[in-house]
Amino acid sequence: FTRSATRDRALVYLDQAAVKARHSYANETALNYYTQALALEERWVWLKGRVELLHIVGRREEEQAALHRLEILAETPEYDVAHLWGQYHEAVSDYVLARAAGARALATAHQQGDRLNEANCLAHLGLIAYRQGDYVQAKEWYSQALQLFPKQTADSDEEATVMARALNGLGVAYRDQGNFDEARQCHEGALVLS
């Protein structure tokens, strides 16, 4: 279909192929499909997918360029741009910018009442604080993420993933401070969720 005049069908199949490749962890293959789709039509969802995959494979210059493209597309949700910039800056160890982007994403998620995205941001801010050696702040961010789930149960796989990440982060912070009983409790909780 990409070699014929049926562009719309090509886009449908490129999208499906990219999603299937991502689910199979075929990151380079998924990147190729997103690149082909974006050459035909620029959609924020595909550009976001491309940014996420470039992040996973560690191609930072391409990731940064794709992020710049993503943020100028009017239809791109503000949360996605801020969250992806936070991940990028954390990966390149620019923690000041990572924290600022994380705070923007957190404010947007909170304003939208999106508990999952809010917890995601809090867990990411915990990781940033941990990487800077600020265990007190890291534990605070991780704890705030977990407080968004008062029953300590997840309603979806996505919530379980975020809760497990927050518990693991909290456990590592406790471990590094020599609080092994608390660390063990956190890691065991994460194991149950996983």
N, C-alpha and C. Protein backbone atom coordinates (compact mmCIF):
# COMPACT_ATOMS: atom_id res chain seq x y z
N PHE A 1 0.82 -1.21 0.00
CA PHE A 1 0.00 0.00 0.00
C PHE A 1 0.86 1.27 0.00
N THR A 2 2.05 1.21 0.61
CA THR A 2 2.91 2.41 0.60
C THR A 2 3.43 2.70 -0.80
N ARG A 3 3.42 1.72 -1.69
CA ARG A 3 3.91 1.91 -3.05
C ARG A 3 2.78 2.16 -4.05
N SER A 4 1.57 2.32 -3.53
CA SER A 4 0.43 2.54 -4.41
C SER A 4 -0.24 3.86 -4.03
N ALA A 5 -1.36 4.13 -4.64
CA ALA A 5 -2.08 5.37 -4.38
C ALA A 5 -3.03 5.25 -3.18
N THR A 6 -2.99 4.13 -2.49
CA THR A 6 -3.89 3.91 -1.35
C THR A 6 -3.20 4.29 -0.04
N ARG A 7 -2.88 5.58 0.08
CA ARG A 7 -2.15 6.12 1.23
C ARG A 7 -2.86 5.85 2.55
N ASP A 8 -4.18 6.02 2.60
CA ASP A 8 -4.92 5.83 3.84
C ASP A 8 -4.79 4.40 4.37
N ARG A 9 -4.85 3.45 3.48
CA ARG A 9 -4.70 2.04 3.91
C ARG A 9 -3.27 1.79 4.37
N ALA A 10 -2.31 2.41 3.70
CA ALA A 10 -0.91 2.27 4.12
C ALA A 10 -0.73 2.77 5.55
N LEU A 11 -1.36 3.90 5.87
CA LEU A 11 -1.24 4.47 7.21
C LEU A 11 -1.86 3.55 8.26
N VAL A 12 -2.98 2.95 7.94
CA VAL A 12 -3.63 2.02 8.87
C VAL A 12 -2.69 0.85 9.18
N TYR A 13 -2.11 0.28 8.14
CA TYR A 13 -1.26 -0.90 8.34
C TYR A 13 0.09 -0.53 8.97
N LEU A 14 0.62 0.64 8.65
CA LEU A 14 1.86 1.08 9.30
C LEU A 14 1.63 1.27 10.80
N ASP A 15 0.49 1.86 11.15
CA ASP A 15 0.16 2.05 12.55
C ASP A 15 0.03 0.70 13.26
N GLN A 16 -0.70 -0.23 12.67
CA GLN A 16 -0.87 -1.55 13.27
C GLN A 16 0.46 -2.28 13.39
N ALA A 17 1.29 -2.17 12.38
CA ALA A 17 2.60 -2.84 12.41
C ALA A 17 3.49 -2.25 13.49
N ALA A 18 3.45 -0.93 13.65
CA ALA A 18 4.27 -0.27 14.68
C ALA A 18 3.84 -0.72 16.07
N VAL A 19 2.52 -0.75 16.30
CA VAL A 19 2.00 -1.17 17.61
C VAL A 19 2.38 -2.62 17.89
N LYS A 20 2.22 -3.48 16.91
CA LYS A 20 2.56 -4.90 17.09
C LYS A 20 4.05 -5.07 17.38
N ALA A 21 4.89 -4.34 16.65
CA ALA A 21 6.34 -4.43 16.87
C ALA A 21 6.70 -3.94 18.27
N ARG A 22 6.07 -2.87 18.73
CA ARG A 22 6.33 -2.36 20.09
C ARG A 22 5.96 -3.40 21.14
N HIS A 23 4.81 -4.05 20.96
CA HIS A 23 4.38 -5.06 21.93
C HIS A 23 5.30 -6.27 21.94
N SER A 24 6.01 -6.48 20.84
CA SER A 24 6.96 -7.59 20.74
C SER A 24 8.38 -7.16 21.11
N TYR A 25 8.54 -5.91 21.55
CA TYR A 25 9.84 -5.32 21.90
C TYR A 25 10.80 -5.29 20.72
N ALA A 26 10.26 -5.21 19.52
CA ALA A 26 11.07 -5.05 18.31
C ALA A 26 11.19 -3.55 18.06
N ASN A 27 12.00 -2.89 18.89
CA ASN A 27 12.05 -1.43 18.91
C ASN A 27 12.50 -0.82 17.59
N GLU A 28 13.54 -1.35 16.99
CA GLU A 28 14.03 -0.80 15.73
C GLU A 28 13.00 -0.98 14.62
N THR A 29 12.32 -2.10 14.61
CA THR A 29 11.28 -2.35 13.61
C THR A 29 10.12 -1.36 13.80
N ALA A 30 9.70 -1.17 15.04
CA ALA A 30 8.63 -0.21 15.33
C ALA A 30 9.05 1.20 14.91
N LEU A 31 10.30 1.55 15.20
CA LEU A 31 10.81 2.87 14.78
C LEU A 31 10.72 3.03 13.27
N ASN A 32 11.06 2.00 12.55
CA ASN A 32 11.00 2.03 11.10
C ASN A 32 9.57 2.27 10.61
N TYR A 33 8.61 1.58 11.22
CA TYR A 33 7.22 1.77 10.82
C TYR A 33 6.73 3.18 11.15
N TYR A 34 7.09 3.70 12.32
CA TYR A 34 6.69 5.06 12.66
C TYR A 34 7.33 6.07 11.69
N THR A 35 8.58 5.84 11.35
CA THR A 35 9.26 6.74 10.41
C THR A 35 8.55 6.74 9.06
N GLN A 36 8.16 5.57 8.58
CA GLN A 36 7.45 5.48 7.31
C GLN A 36 6.09 6.19 7.39
N ALA A 37 5.38 5.98 8.49
CA ALA A 37 4.07 6.62 8.65
C ALA A 37 4.21 8.13 8.72
N LEU A 38 5.21 8.60 9.47
CA LEU A 38 5.41 10.05 9.62
C LEU A 38 5.85 10.70 8.31
N ALA A 39 6.49 9.94 7.44
CA ALA A 39 6.87 10.48 6.13
C ALA A 39 5.63 10.75 5.28
N LEU A 40 4.56 10.01 5.54
CA LEU A 40 3.33 10.19 4.79
C LEU A 40 2.40 11.22 5.44
N GLU A 41 2.38 11.23 6.78
CA GLU A 41 1.51 12.15 7.51
C GLU A 41 2.03 12.32 8.94
N GLU A 42 2.08 13.56 9.39
CA GLU A 42 2.59 13.80 10.74
C GLU A 42 1.44 13.79 11.74
N ARG A 43 1.42 12.78 12.58
CA ARG A 43 0.43 12.67 13.65
C ARG A 43 1.18 12.63 14.98
N TRP A 44 0.61 13.35 15.95
CA TRP A 44 1.31 13.45 17.24
C TRP A 44 1.47 12.08 17.91
N VAL A 45 0.51 11.18 17.77
CA VAL A 45 0.59 9.87 18.41
C VAL A 45 1.78 9.09 17.87
N TRP A 46 2.01 9.16 16.57
CA TRP A 46 3.14 8.44 15.98
C TRP A 46 4.46 9.10 16.37
N LEU A 47 4.46 10.41 16.42
CA LEU A 47 5.68 11.10 16.83
C LEU A 47 6.00 10.80 18.29
N LYS A 48 4.96 10.73 19.12
CA LYS A 48 5.15 10.35 20.52
C LYS A 48 5.72 8.94 20.61
N GLY A 49 5.16 8.01 19.84
CA GLY A 49 5.68 6.64 19.82
C GLY A 49 7.14 6.61 19.41
N ARG A 50 7.47 7.42 18.42
CA ARG A 50 8.86 7.50 17.95
C ARG A 50 9.78 8.02 19.06
N VAL A 51 9.34 9.07 19.76
CA VAL A 51 10.12 9.63 20.87
C VAL A 51 10.35 8.58 21.94
N GLU A 52 9.29 7.87 22.32
CA GLU A 52 9.40 6.84 23.36
C GLU A 52 10.37 5.74 22.96
N LEU A 53 10.32 5.33 21.71
CA LEU A 53 11.24 4.28 21.25
C LEU A 53 12.68 4.79 21.17
N LEU A 54 12.87 6.01 20.70
CA LEU A 54 14.22 6.58 20.66
C LEU A 54 14.79 6.67 22.07
N HIS A 55 13.93 6.96 23.04
CA HIS A 55 14.37 7.00 24.43
C HIS A 55 14.84 5.63 24.89
N ILE A 56 14.06 4.61 24.57
CA ILE A 56 14.40 3.24 24.98
C ILE A 56 15.73 2.80 24.39
N VAL A 57 15.95 3.09 23.10
CA VAL A 57 17.17 2.63 22.44
C VAL A 57 18.35 3.59 22.67
N GLY A 58 18.10 4.71 23.34
CA GLY A 58 19.19 5.61 23.74
C GLY A 58 19.75 6.50 22.63
N ARG A 59 18.95 6.78 21.63
CA ARG A 59 19.40 7.67 20.56
C ARG A 59 18.97 9.09 20.91
N ARG A 60 19.76 9.73 21.79
CA ARG A 60 19.37 10.99 22.42
C ARG A 60 19.24 12.17 21.44
N GLU A 61 20.13 12.31 20.49
CA GLU A 61 20.03 13.44 19.56
C GLU A 61 18.76 13.35 18.74
N GLU A 62 18.43 12.16 18.26
CA GLU A 62 17.20 11.98 17.50
C GLU A 62 15.98 12.17 18.40
N GLU A 63 16.09 11.71 19.63
CA GLU A 63 14.99 11.88 20.59
C GLU A 63 14.72 13.36 20.83
N GLN A 64 15.78 14.13 21.02
CA GLN A 64 15.63 15.56 21.26
C GLN A 64 14.99 16.26 20.06
N ALA A 65 15.45 15.92 18.86
CA ALA A 65 14.88 16.52 17.65
C ALA A 65 13.40 16.16 17.50
N ALA A 66 13.07 14.91 17.77
CA ALA A 66 11.67 14.48 17.67
C ALA A 66 10.82 15.16 18.73
N LEU A 67 11.36 15.38 19.92
CA LEU A 67 10.63 16.09 20.97
C LEU A 67 10.34 17.52 20.56
N HIS A 68 11.30 18.18 19.92
CA HIS A 68 11.07 19.54 19.44
C HIS A 68 9.93 19.56 18.42
N ARG A 69 9.92 18.57 17.53
CA ARG A 69 8.84 18.47 16.55
C ARG A 69 7.51 18.21 17.25
N LEU A 70 7.52 17.33 18.22
CA LEU A 70 6.29 16.97 18.93
C LEU A 70 5.68 18.17 19.65
N GLU A 71 6.50 18.97 20.30
CA GLU A 71 5.94 20.06 21.09
C GLU A 71 5.37 21.19 20.25
N ILE A 72 5.73 21.28 18.97
CA ILE A 72 5.15 22.35 18.14
C ILE A 72 3.85 21.93 17.46
N LEU A 73 3.52 20.64 17.53
CA LEU A 73 2.24 20.19 16.98
C LEU A 73 1.12 20.62 17.95
N ALA A 74 0.19 21.38 17.45
CA ALA A 74 -0.85 21.98 18.29
C ALA A 74 -1.68 20.93 19.03
N GLU A 75 -1.90 19.77 18.41
CA GLU A 75 -2.79 18.78 19.02
C GLU A 75 -2.10 17.91 20.08
N THR A 76 -0.80 18.05 20.25
CA THR A 76 -0.09 17.24 21.24
C THR A 76 -0.51 17.66 22.65
N PRO A 77 -0.97 16.71 23.47
CA PRO A 77 -1.34 17.05 24.86
C PRO A 77 -0.14 17.59 25.65
N GLU A 78 -0.41 18.60 26.43
CA GLU A 78 0.63 19.26 27.23
C GLU A 78 1.33 18.28 28.17
N TYR A 79 0.54 17.38 28.77
CA TYR A 79 1.13 16.40 29.68
C TYR A 79 2.20 15.57 28.99
N ASP A 80 1.88 15.06 27.81
CA ASP A 80 2.81 14.18 27.09
C ASP A 80 4.13 14.88 26.80
N VAL A 81 4.05 16.12 26.34
CA VAL A 81 5.27 16.86 26.03
C VAL A 81 6.13 17.04 27.28
N ALA A 82 5.51 17.52 28.36
CA ALA A 82 6.26 17.75 29.59
C ALA A 82 6.85 16.46 30.14
N HIS A 83 6.05 15.39 30.16
CA HIS A 83 6.53 14.11 30.71
C HIS A 83 7.70 13.56 29.88
N LEU A 84 7.59 13.63 28.57
CA LEU A 84 8.67 13.12 27.72
C LEU A 84 9.93 13.96 27.84
N TRP A 85 9.78 15.28 27.97
CA TRP A 85 10.96 16.12 28.20
C TRP A 85 11.60 15.77 29.54
N GLY A 86 10.79 15.50 30.55
CA GLY A 86 11.33 15.11 31.85
C GLY A 86 12.16 13.84 31.75
N GLN A 87 11.66 12.86 31.02
CA GLN A 87 12.41 11.61 30.84
C GLN A 87 13.71 11.86 30.07
N TYR A 88 13.62 12.69 29.04
CA TYR A 88 14.82 12.98 28.25
C TYR A 88 15.89 13.65 29.13
N HIS A 89 15.50 14.70 29.84
CA HIS A 89 16.47 15.44 30.67
C HIS A 89 17.04 14.56 31.79
N GLU A 90 16.22 13.69 32.35
CA GLU A 90 16.73 12.78 33.37
C GLU A 90 17.75 11.82 32.78
N ALA A 91 17.49 11.35 31.56
CA ALA A 91 18.40 10.40 30.90
C ALA A 91 19.76 11.03 30.58
N VAL A 92 19.77 12.34 30.31
CA VAL A 92 21.04 13.02 30.01
C VAL A 92 21.62 13.71 31.25
N SER A 93 21.04 13.39 32.41
CA SER A 93 21.51 13.88 33.72
C SER A 93 21.39 15.39 33.89
N ASP A 94 20.44 16.01 33.22
CA ASP A 94 20.15 17.42 33.45
C ASP A 94 18.96 17.48 34.41
N TYR A 95 19.27 17.30 35.69
CA TYR A 95 18.22 17.11 36.68
C TYR A 95 17.40 18.36 36.96
N VAL A 96 17.98 19.53 36.78
CA VAL A 96 17.22 20.76 36.98
C VAL A 96 16.09 20.84 35.96
N LEU A 97 16.42 20.62 34.70
CA LEU A 97 15.39 20.65 33.65
C LEU A 97 14.45 19.46 33.78
N ALA A 98 14.95 18.32 34.21
CA ALA A 98 14.11 17.14 34.40
C ALA A 98 13.06 17.41 35.47
N ARG A 99 13.48 18.02 36.58
CA ARG A 99 12.54 18.35 37.66
C ARG A 99 11.50 19.36 37.19
N ALA A 100 11.95 20.37 36.44
CA ALA A 100 11.02 21.40 35.95
C ALA A 100 9.99 20.79 35.02
N ALA A 101 10.42 19.94 34.11
CA ALA A 101 9.49 19.29 33.18
C ALA A 101 8.56 18.35 33.94
N GLY A 102 9.11 17.63 34.91
CA GLY A 102 8.29 16.74 35.74
C GLY A 102 7.23 17.49 36.52
N ALA A 103 7.60 18.67 37.04
CA ALA A 103 6.64 19.49 37.78
C ALA A 103 5.53 20.00 36.86
N ARG A 104 5.88 20.37 35.62
CA ARG A 104 4.86 20.79 34.65
C ARG A 104 3.91 19.65 34.33
N ALA A 105 4.47 18.47 34.10
CA ALA A 105 3.63 17.29 33.81
C ALA A 105 2.73 16.97 35.00
N LEU A 106 3.28 17.05 36.20
CA LEU A 106 2.51 16.77 37.41
C LEU A 106 1.36 17.76 37.56
N ALA A 107 1.62 19.04 37.35
CA ALA A 107 0.57 20.05 37.46
C ALA A 107 -0.53 19.81 36.44
N THR A 108 -0.16 19.44 35.24
CA THR A 108 -1.15 19.17 34.19
C THR A 108 -1.98 17.94 34.56
N ALA A 109 -1.33 16.87 35.00
CA ALA A 109 -2.05 15.65 35.38
C ALA A 109 -3.01 15.92 36.53
N HIS A 110 -2.53 16.70 37.51
CA HIS A 110 -3.37 17.03 38.67
C HIS A 110 -4.59 17.85 38.23
N GLN A 111 -4.35 18.83 37.37
CA GLN A 111 -5.42 19.69 36.87
C GLN A 111 -6.46 18.87 36.10
N GLN A 112 -6.00 17.87 35.37
CA GLN A 112 -6.90 17.03 34.58
C GLN A 112 -7.55 15.93 35.42
N GLY A 113 -7.12 15.79 36.66
CA GLY A 113 -7.66 14.74 37.52
C GLY A 113 -7.27 13.35 37.07
N ASP A 114 -6.09 13.24 36.46
CA ASP A 114 -5.61 11.95 35.94
C ASP A 114 -4.68 11.32 36.97
N ARG A 115 -5.24 10.44 37.80
CA ARG A 115 -4.50 9.82 38.91
C ARG A 115 -3.30 9.02 38.40
N LEU A 116 -3.47 8.29 37.31
CA LEU A 116 -2.38 7.47 36.79
C LEU A 116 -1.20 8.33 36.34
N ASN A 117 -1.47 9.37 35.57
CA ASN A 117 -0.39 10.25 35.12
C ASN A 117 0.25 11.00 36.28
N GLU A 118 -0.58 11.37 37.24
CA GLU A 118 -0.06 12.05 38.43
C GLU A 118 0.90 11.13 39.19
N ALA A 119 0.51 9.89 39.38
CA ALA A 119 1.37 8.93 40.07
C ALA A 119 2.64 8.67 39.27
N ASN A 120 2.51 8.60 37.96
CA ASN A 120 3.67 8.44 37.09
C ASN A 120 4.68 9.56 37.30
N CYS A 121 4.17 10.79 37.32
CA CYS A 121 5.04 11.96 37.51
C CYS A 121 5.71 11.94 38.88
N LEU A 122 4.94 11.63 39.91
CA LEU A 122 5.51 11.59 41.26
C LEU A 122 6.61 10.53 41.36
N ALA A 123 6.38 9.37 40.76
CA ALA A 123 7.40 8.31 40.78
C ALA A 123 8.64 8.76 40.01
N HIS A 124 8.45 9.47 38.91
CA HIS A 124 9.60 9.95 38.14
C HIS A 124 10.36 11.03 38.90
N LEU A 125 9.64 11.91 39.57
CA LEU A 125 10.31 12.91 40.41
C LEU A 125 11.07 12.25 41.54
N GLY A 126 10.54 11.14 42.07
CA GLY A 126 11.25 10.37 43.08
C GLY A 126 12.56 9.83 42.55
N LEU A 127 12.53 9.32 41.32
CA LEU A 127 13.75 8.80 40.70
C LEU A 127 14.79 9.91 40.50
N ILE A 128 14.34 11.07 40.08
CA ILE A 128 15.25 12.20 39.87
C ILE A 128 15.91 12.59 41.20
N ALA A 129 15.09 12.71 42.26
CA ALA A 129 15.64 13.05 43.58
C ALA A 129 16.62 11.99 44.04
N TYR A 130 16.29 10.72 43.83
CA TYR A 130 17.18 9.63 44.21
C TYR A 130 18.51 9.74 43.48
N ARG A 131 18.46 9.99 42.18
CA ARG A 131 19.69 10.10 41.39
C ARG A 131 20.57 11.25 41.87
N GLN A 132 19.96 12.25 42.49
CA GLN A 132 20.72 13.37 43.02
C GLN A 132 21.18 13.12 44.46
N GLY A 133 20.83 11.96 45.00
CA GLY A 133 21.24 11.63 46.36
C GLY A 133 20.36 12.23 47.43
N ASP A 134 19.20 12.77 47.06
CA ASP A 134 18.28 13.37 48.02
C ASP A 134 17.24 12.32 48.41
N TYR A 135 17.63 11.42 49.32
CA TYR A 135 16.78 10.30 49.69
C TYR A 135 15.50 10.74 50.40
N VAL A 136 15.58 11.81 51.18
CA VAL A 136 14.39 12.29 51.90
C VAL A 136 13.33 12.73 50.89
N GLN A 137 13.75 13.54 49.90
CA GLN A 137 12.79 14.01 48.89
C GLN A 137 12.31 12.86 48.01
N ALA A 138 13.22 11.93 47.69
CA ALA A 138 12.83 10.77 46.88
C ALA A 138 11.74 9.98 47.58
N LYS A 139 11.93 9.71 48.87
CA LYS A 139 10.93 8.96 49.62
C LYS A 139 9.60 9.72 49.68
N GLU A 140 9.68 11.03 49.78
CA GLU A 140 8.46 11.85 49.81
C GLU A 140 7.69 11.73 48.49
N TRP A 141 8.40 11.87 47.36
CA TRP A 141 7.73 11.76 46.05
C TRP A 141 7.12 10.37 45.87
N TYR A 142 7.90 9.33 46.17
CA TYR A 142 7.40 7.96 46.02
C TYR A 142 6.18 7.73 46.91
N SER A 143 6.24 8.22 48.13
CA SER A 143 5.12 8.05 49.07
C SER A 143 3.87 8.77 48.57
N GLN A 144 4.05 9.96 48.01
CA GLN A 144 2.91 10.70 47.45
C GLN A 144 2.28 9.92 46.30
N ALA A 145 3.12 9.30 45.47
CA ALA A 145 2.58 8.49 44.36
C ALA A 145 1.72 7.36 44.91
N LEU A 146 2.19 6.70 45.95
CA LEU A 146 1.46 5.57 46.53
C LEU A 146 0.18 6.02 47.24
N GLN A 147 0.19 7.23 47.79
CA GLN A 147 -1.00 7.74 48.48
C GLN A 147 -2.16 7.98 47.52
N LEU A 148 -1.87 8.07 46.24
CA LEU A 148 -2.95 8.23 45.26
C LEU A 148 -3.78 6.96 45.11
N PHE A 149 -3.28 5.86 45.68
CA PHE A 149 -3.98 4.58 45.65
C PHE A 149 -4.26 4.16 47.10
N PRO A 150 -5.24 4.80 47.74
CA PRO A 150 -5.44 4.59 49.18
C PRO A 150 -5.74 3.15 49.58
N LYS A 151 -6.35 2.37 48.69
CA LYS A 151 -6.63 0.98 49.02
C LYS A 151 -5.42 0.09 48.80
N GLN A 152 -4.34 0.68 48.26
CA GLN A 152 -3.12 -0.06 47.94
C GLN A 152 -3.39 -1.20 46.96
N THR A 153 -4.41 -1.03 46.15
CA THR A 153 -4.70 -2.00 45.09
C THR A 153 -4.79 -1.25 43.77
N ALA A 154 -4.52 -1.96 42.70
CA ALA A 154 -4.54 -1.37 41.37
C ALA A 154 -5.79 -1.80 40.62
N ASP A 155 -6.37 -0.88 39.88
CA ASP A 155 -7.55 -1.17 39.08
C ASP A 155 -7.20 -1.58 37.66
N SER A 156 -5.92 -1.47 37.30
CA SER A 156 -5.49 -1.81 35.94
C SER A 156 -4.02 -2.23 35.97
N ASP A 157 -3.57 -2.81 34.89
CA ASP A 157 -2.15 -3.18 34.77
C ASP A 157 -1.26 -1.94 34.82
N GLU A 158 -1.74 -0.84 34.23
CA GLU A 158 -0.96 0.40 34.23
C GLU A 158 -0.77 0.93 35.65
N GLU A 159 -1.85 0.88 36.44
CA GLU A 159 -1.74 1.32 37.84
C GLU A 159 -0.81 0.40 38.62
N ALA A 160 -0.90 -0.89 38.39
CA ALA A 160 -0.01 -1.84 39.08
C ALA A 160 1.44 -1.55 38.73
N THR A 161 1.71 -1.23 37.47
CA THR A 161 3.08 -0.92 37.04
C THR A 161 3.61 0.32 37.75
N VAL A 162 2.80 1.36 37.82
CA VAL A 162 3.23 2.61 38.48
C VAL A 162 3.43 2.38 39.97
N MET A 163 2.51 1.66 40.59
CA MET A 163 2.64 1.38 42.03
C MET A 163 3.89 0.55 42.30
N ALA A 164 4.15 -0.45 41.47
CA ALA A 164 5.34 -1.29 41.66
C ALA A 164 6.60 -0.46 41.49
N ARG A 165 6.61 0.44 40.51
CA ARG A 165 7.78 1.30 40.30
C ARG A 165 8.01 2.21 41.51
N ALA A 166 6.93 2.77 42.05
CA ALA A 166 7.06 3.64 43.23
C ALA A 166 7.53 2.83 44.44
N LEU A 167 6.99 1.64 44.63
CA LEU A 167 7.42 0.80 45.76
C LEU A 167 8.88 0.39 45.62
N ASN A 168 9.30 0.03 44.41
CA ASN A 168 10.70 -0.33 44.21
C ASN A 168 11.62 0.86 44.46
N GLY A 169 11.23 2.03 43.96
CA GLY A 169 12.04 3.23 44.20
C GLY A 169 12.14 3.56 45.67
N LEU A 170 11.02 3.47 46.36
CA LEU A 170 11.00 3.71 47.80
C LEU A 170 11.87 2.69 48.52
N GLY A 171 11.78 1.43 48.09
CA GLY A 171 12.60 0.37 48.69
C GLY A 171 14.08 0.61 48.52
N VAL A 172 14.48 1.07 47.35
CA VAL A 172 15.90 1.35 47.10
C VAL A 172 16.38 2.51 47.97
N ALA A 173 15.53 3.54 48.10
CA ALA A 173 15.91 4.67 48.95
C ALA A 173 16.07 4.23 50.40
N TYR A 174 15.14 3.39 50.89
CA TYR A 174 15.27 2.85 52.24
C TYR A 174 16.53 2.01 52.37
N ARG A 175 16.79 1.15 51.40
CA ARG A 175 17.97 0.28 51.43
C ARG A 175 19.25 1.10 51.52
N ASP A 176 19.34 2.14 50.69
CA ASP A 176 20.55 2.95 50.67
C ASP A 176 20.78 3.71 51.97
N GLN A 177 19.73 3.86 52.76
CA GLN A 177 19.86 4.51 54.06
C GLN A 177 19.98 3.49 55.19
N GLY A 178 20.06 2.21 54.83
CA GLY A 178 20.24 1.17 55.84
C GLY A 178 18.97 0.72 56.52
N ASN A 179 17.82 1.12 56.01
CA ASN A 179 16.53 0.71 56.58
C ASN A 179 16.04 -0.53 55.84
N PHE A 180 16.62 -1.67 56.17
CA PHE A 180 16.41 -2.88 55.39
C PHE A 180 15.02 -3.49 55.57
N ASP A 181 14.44 -3.37 56.76
CA ASP A 181 13.10 -3.92 56.96
C ASP A 181 12.07 -3.17 56.10
N GLU A 182 12.17 -1.84 56.09
CA GLU A 182 11.26 -1.05 55.27
C GLU A 182 11.49 -1.33 53.78
N ALA A 183 12.77 -1.48 53.41
CA ALA A 183 13.11 -1.78 52.01
C ALA A 183 12.49 -3.10 51.59
N ARG A 184 12.63 -4.09 52.44
CA ARG A 184 12.08 -5.42 52.13
C ARG A 184 10.56 -5.37 51.95
N GLN A 185 9.88 -4.64 52.84
CA GLN A 185 8.44 -4.51 52.75
C GLN A 185 8.03 -3.89 51.41
N CYS A 186 8.74 -2.86 51.01
CA CYS A 186 8.43 -2.18 49.74
C CYS A 186 8.65 -3.12 48.56
N HIS A 187 9.77 -3.80 48.55
CA HIS A 187 10.08 -4.69 47.43
C HIS A 187 9.12 -5.88 47.38
N GLU A 188 8.73 -6.38 48.54
CA GLU A 188 7.76 -7.47 48.55
C GLU A 188 6.40 -7.00 48.02
N GLY A 189 6.02 -5.78 48.37
CA GLY A 189 4.77 -5.20 47.84
C GLY A 189 4.83 -5.05 46.33
N ALA A 190 5.99 -4.61 45.84
CA ALA A 190 6.17 -4.46 44.40
C ALA A 190 6.11 -5.82 43.70
N LEU A 191 6.68 -6.82 44.35
CA LEU A 191 6.67 -8.17 43.79
C LEU A 191 5.25 -8.70 43.65
N VAL A 192 4.43 -8.46 44.66
CA VAL A 192 3.03 -8.90 44.62
C VAL A 192 2.31 -8.22 43.46
N LEU A 193 2.51 -6.92 43.31
CA LEU A 193 1.86 -6.18 42.22
C LEU A 193 2.36 -6.67 40.86
N SER A 194 3.64 -6.98 40.79
CA SER A 194 4.20 -7.43 39.52
C SER A 194 3.69 -8.81 39.15
